[in-house]
Amino acid sequence: MNGIGKALIYMGLIIAAIGVVVTFADKLPWLGRLPGDIHIKRENFTFYFPLATSIIISVLLSLILWLFRR
């Protein structure tokens, strides 16, 4: 049961961190508007894919999880 408890605590911390990021995302003007983000706007169609932002967030999360496992 110790393993399940630790997993729930880690998941709770991750969810809380995501909540903080979502809450303060409007204060980070560069988030979602990096040079590698794809934004296509047509008459009746808008496509937005934050590629560069996703890569940066993935690298940061990987680094944080690597530090926790160490």
C-alpha atoms as a PDB file:
ATOM      1  CA  MET A   1       0.000   0.000   0.000  1.00  0.00           C
ATOM      2  CA  ASN A   2       2.980   2.347   0.420  1.00  0.00           C
ATOM      3  CA  GLY A   3       3.525   2.411  -3.346  1.00  0.00           C
ATOM      4  CA  ILE A   4      -0.065   3.439  -4.033  1.00  0.00           C
ATOM      5  CA  GLY A   5       0.106   6.166  -1.393  1.00  0.00           C
ATOM      6  CA  LYS A   6       3.281   7.633  -2.834  1.00  0.00           C
ATOM      7  CA  ALA A   7       1.853   7.514  -6.348  1.00  0.00           C
ATOM      8  CA  LEU A   8      -1.273   9.362  -5.216  1.00  0.00           C
ATOM      9  CA  ILE A   9       0.814  12.021  -3.487  1.00  0.00           C
ATOM     10  CA  TYR A  10       2.951  12.547  -6.600  1.00  0.00           C
ATOM     11  CA  MET A  11      -0.117  12.705  -8.821  1.00  0.00           C
ATOM     12  CA  GLY A  12      -1.690  15.248  -6.478  1.00  0.00           C
ATOM     13  CA  LEU A  13       1.437  17.409  -6.589  1.00  0.00           C
ATOM     14  CA  ILE A  14       1.513  17.230 -10.373  1.00  0.00           C
ATOM     15  CA  ILE A  15      -2.160  18.193 -10.620  1.00  0.00           C
ATOM     16  CA  ALA A  16      -1.584  21.092  -8.209  1.00  0.00           C
ATOM     17  CA  ALA A  17       1.393  22.281 -10.278  1.00  0.00           C
ATOM     18  CA  ILE A  18      -0.689  22.134 -13.453  1.00  0.00           C
ATOM     19  CA  GLY A  19      -3.384  24.149 -11.686  1.00  0.00           C
ATOM     20  CA  VAL A  20      -0.860  26.822 -10.734  1.00  0.00           C
ATOM     21  CA  VAL A  21       0.437  26.992 -14.312  1.00  0.00           C
ATOM     22  CA  VAL A  22      -3.089  27.299 -15.717  1.00  0.00           C
ATOM     23  CA  THR A  23      -3.965  29.980 -13.176  1.00  0.00           C
ATOM     24  CA  PHE A  24      -0.939  32.123 -13.948  1.00  0.00           C
ATOM     25  CA  ALA A  25      -0.650  31.304 -17.680  1.00  0.00           C
ATOM     26  CA  ASP A  26      -2.022  34.699 -18.680  1.00  0.00           C
ATOM     27  CA  LYS A  27       0.883  36.359 -16.867  1.00  0.00           C
ATOM     28  CA  LEU A  28       3.347  34.518 -19.136  1.00  0.00           C
ATOM     29  CA  PRO A  29       2.830  36.239 -22.499  1.00  0.00           C
ATOM     30  CA  TRP A  30       5.329  34.005 -24.327  1.00  0.00           C
ATOM     31  CA  LEU A  31       3.488  30.811 -23.377  1.00  0.00           C
ATOM     32  CA  GLY A  32       1.797  29.558 -26.528  1.00  0.00           C
ATOM     33  CA  ARG A  33       3.332  32.208 -28.781  1.00  0.00           C
ATOM     34  CA  LEU A  34       6.808  30.910 -29.420  1.00  0.00           C
ATOM     35  CA  PRO A  35       8.385  30.999 -32.897  1.00  0.00           C
ATOM     36  CA  GLY A  36       7.826  27.264 -33.483  1.00  0.00           C
ATOM     37  CA  ASP A  37       4.097  27.301 -32.727  1.00  0.00           C
ATOM     38  CA  ILE A  38       1.876  26.621 -35.731  1.00  0.00           C
ATOM     39  CA  HIS A  39      -1.021  29.021 -36.300  1.00  0.00           C
ATOM     40  CA  ILE A  40      -3.071  28.923 -39.510  1.00  0.00           C
ATOM     41  CA  LYS A  41      -6.019  31.277 -39.890  1.00  0.00           C
ATOM     42  CA  ARG A  42      -8.339  31.156 -42.906  1.00  0.00           C
ATOM     43  CA  GLU A  43     -11.825  32.515 -43.566  1.00  0.00           C
ATOM     44  CA  ASN A  44     -13.852  29.939 -41.630  1.00  0.00           C
ATOM     45  CA  PHE A  45     -11.042  27.882 -40.190  1.00  0.00           C
ATOM     46  CA  THR A  46      -8.432  28.377 -37.492  1.00  0.00           C
ATOM     47  CA  PHE A  47      -5.805  25.779 -36.649  1.00  0.00           C
ATOM     48  CA  TYR A  48      -3.430  26.273 -33.730  1.00  0.00           C
ATOM     49  CA  PHE A  49      -0.841  23.779 -32.560  1.00  0.00           C
ATOM     50  CA  PRO A  50       1.695  24.973 -29.948  1.00  0.00           C
ATOM     51  CA  LEU A  51       4.563  22.739 -31.094  1.00  0.00           C
ATOM     52  CA  ALA A  52       7.482  24.673 -29.573  1.00  0.00           C
ATOM     53  CA  THR A  53       5.586  25.301 -26.329  1.00  0.00           C
ATOM     54  CA  SER A  54       4.764  21.579 -26.062  1.00  0.00           C
ATOM     55  CA  ILE A  55       8.397  20.619 -26.577  1.00  0.00           C
ATOM     56  CA  ILE A  56       9.605  23.064 -23.909  1.00  0.00           C
ATOM     57  CA  ILE A  57       6.990  21.884 -21.405  1.00  0.00           C
ATOM     58  CA  SER A  58       7.896  18.261 -22.139  1.00  0.00           C
ATOM     59  CA  VAL A  59      11.609  18.914 -21.581  1.00  0.00           C
ATOM     60  CA  LEU A  60      10.908  20.756 -18.318  1.00  0.00           C
ATOM     61  CA  LEU A  61       8.624  17.999 -17.014  1.00  0.00           C
ATOM     62  CA  SER A  62      11.134  15.326 -18.013  1.00  0.00           C
ATOM     63  CA  LEU A  63      13.881  17.182 -16.152  1.00  0.00           C
ATOM     64  CA  ILE A  64      11.738  17.599 -13.048  1.00  0.00           C
ATOM     65  CA  LEU A  65      10.707  13.927 -13.032  1.00  0.00           C
ATOM     66  CA  TRP A  66      14.313  12.858 -13.587  1.00  0.00           C
ATOM     67  CA  LEU A  67      15.374  14.936 -10.577  1.00  0.00           C
ATOM     68  CA  PHE A  68      12.644  13.344  -8.408  1.00  0.00           C
ATOM     69  CA  ARG A  69      13.675   9.818  -9.387  1.00  0.00           C
ATOM     70  CA  ARG A  70      17.293  10.485  -8.565  1.00  0.00           C
END
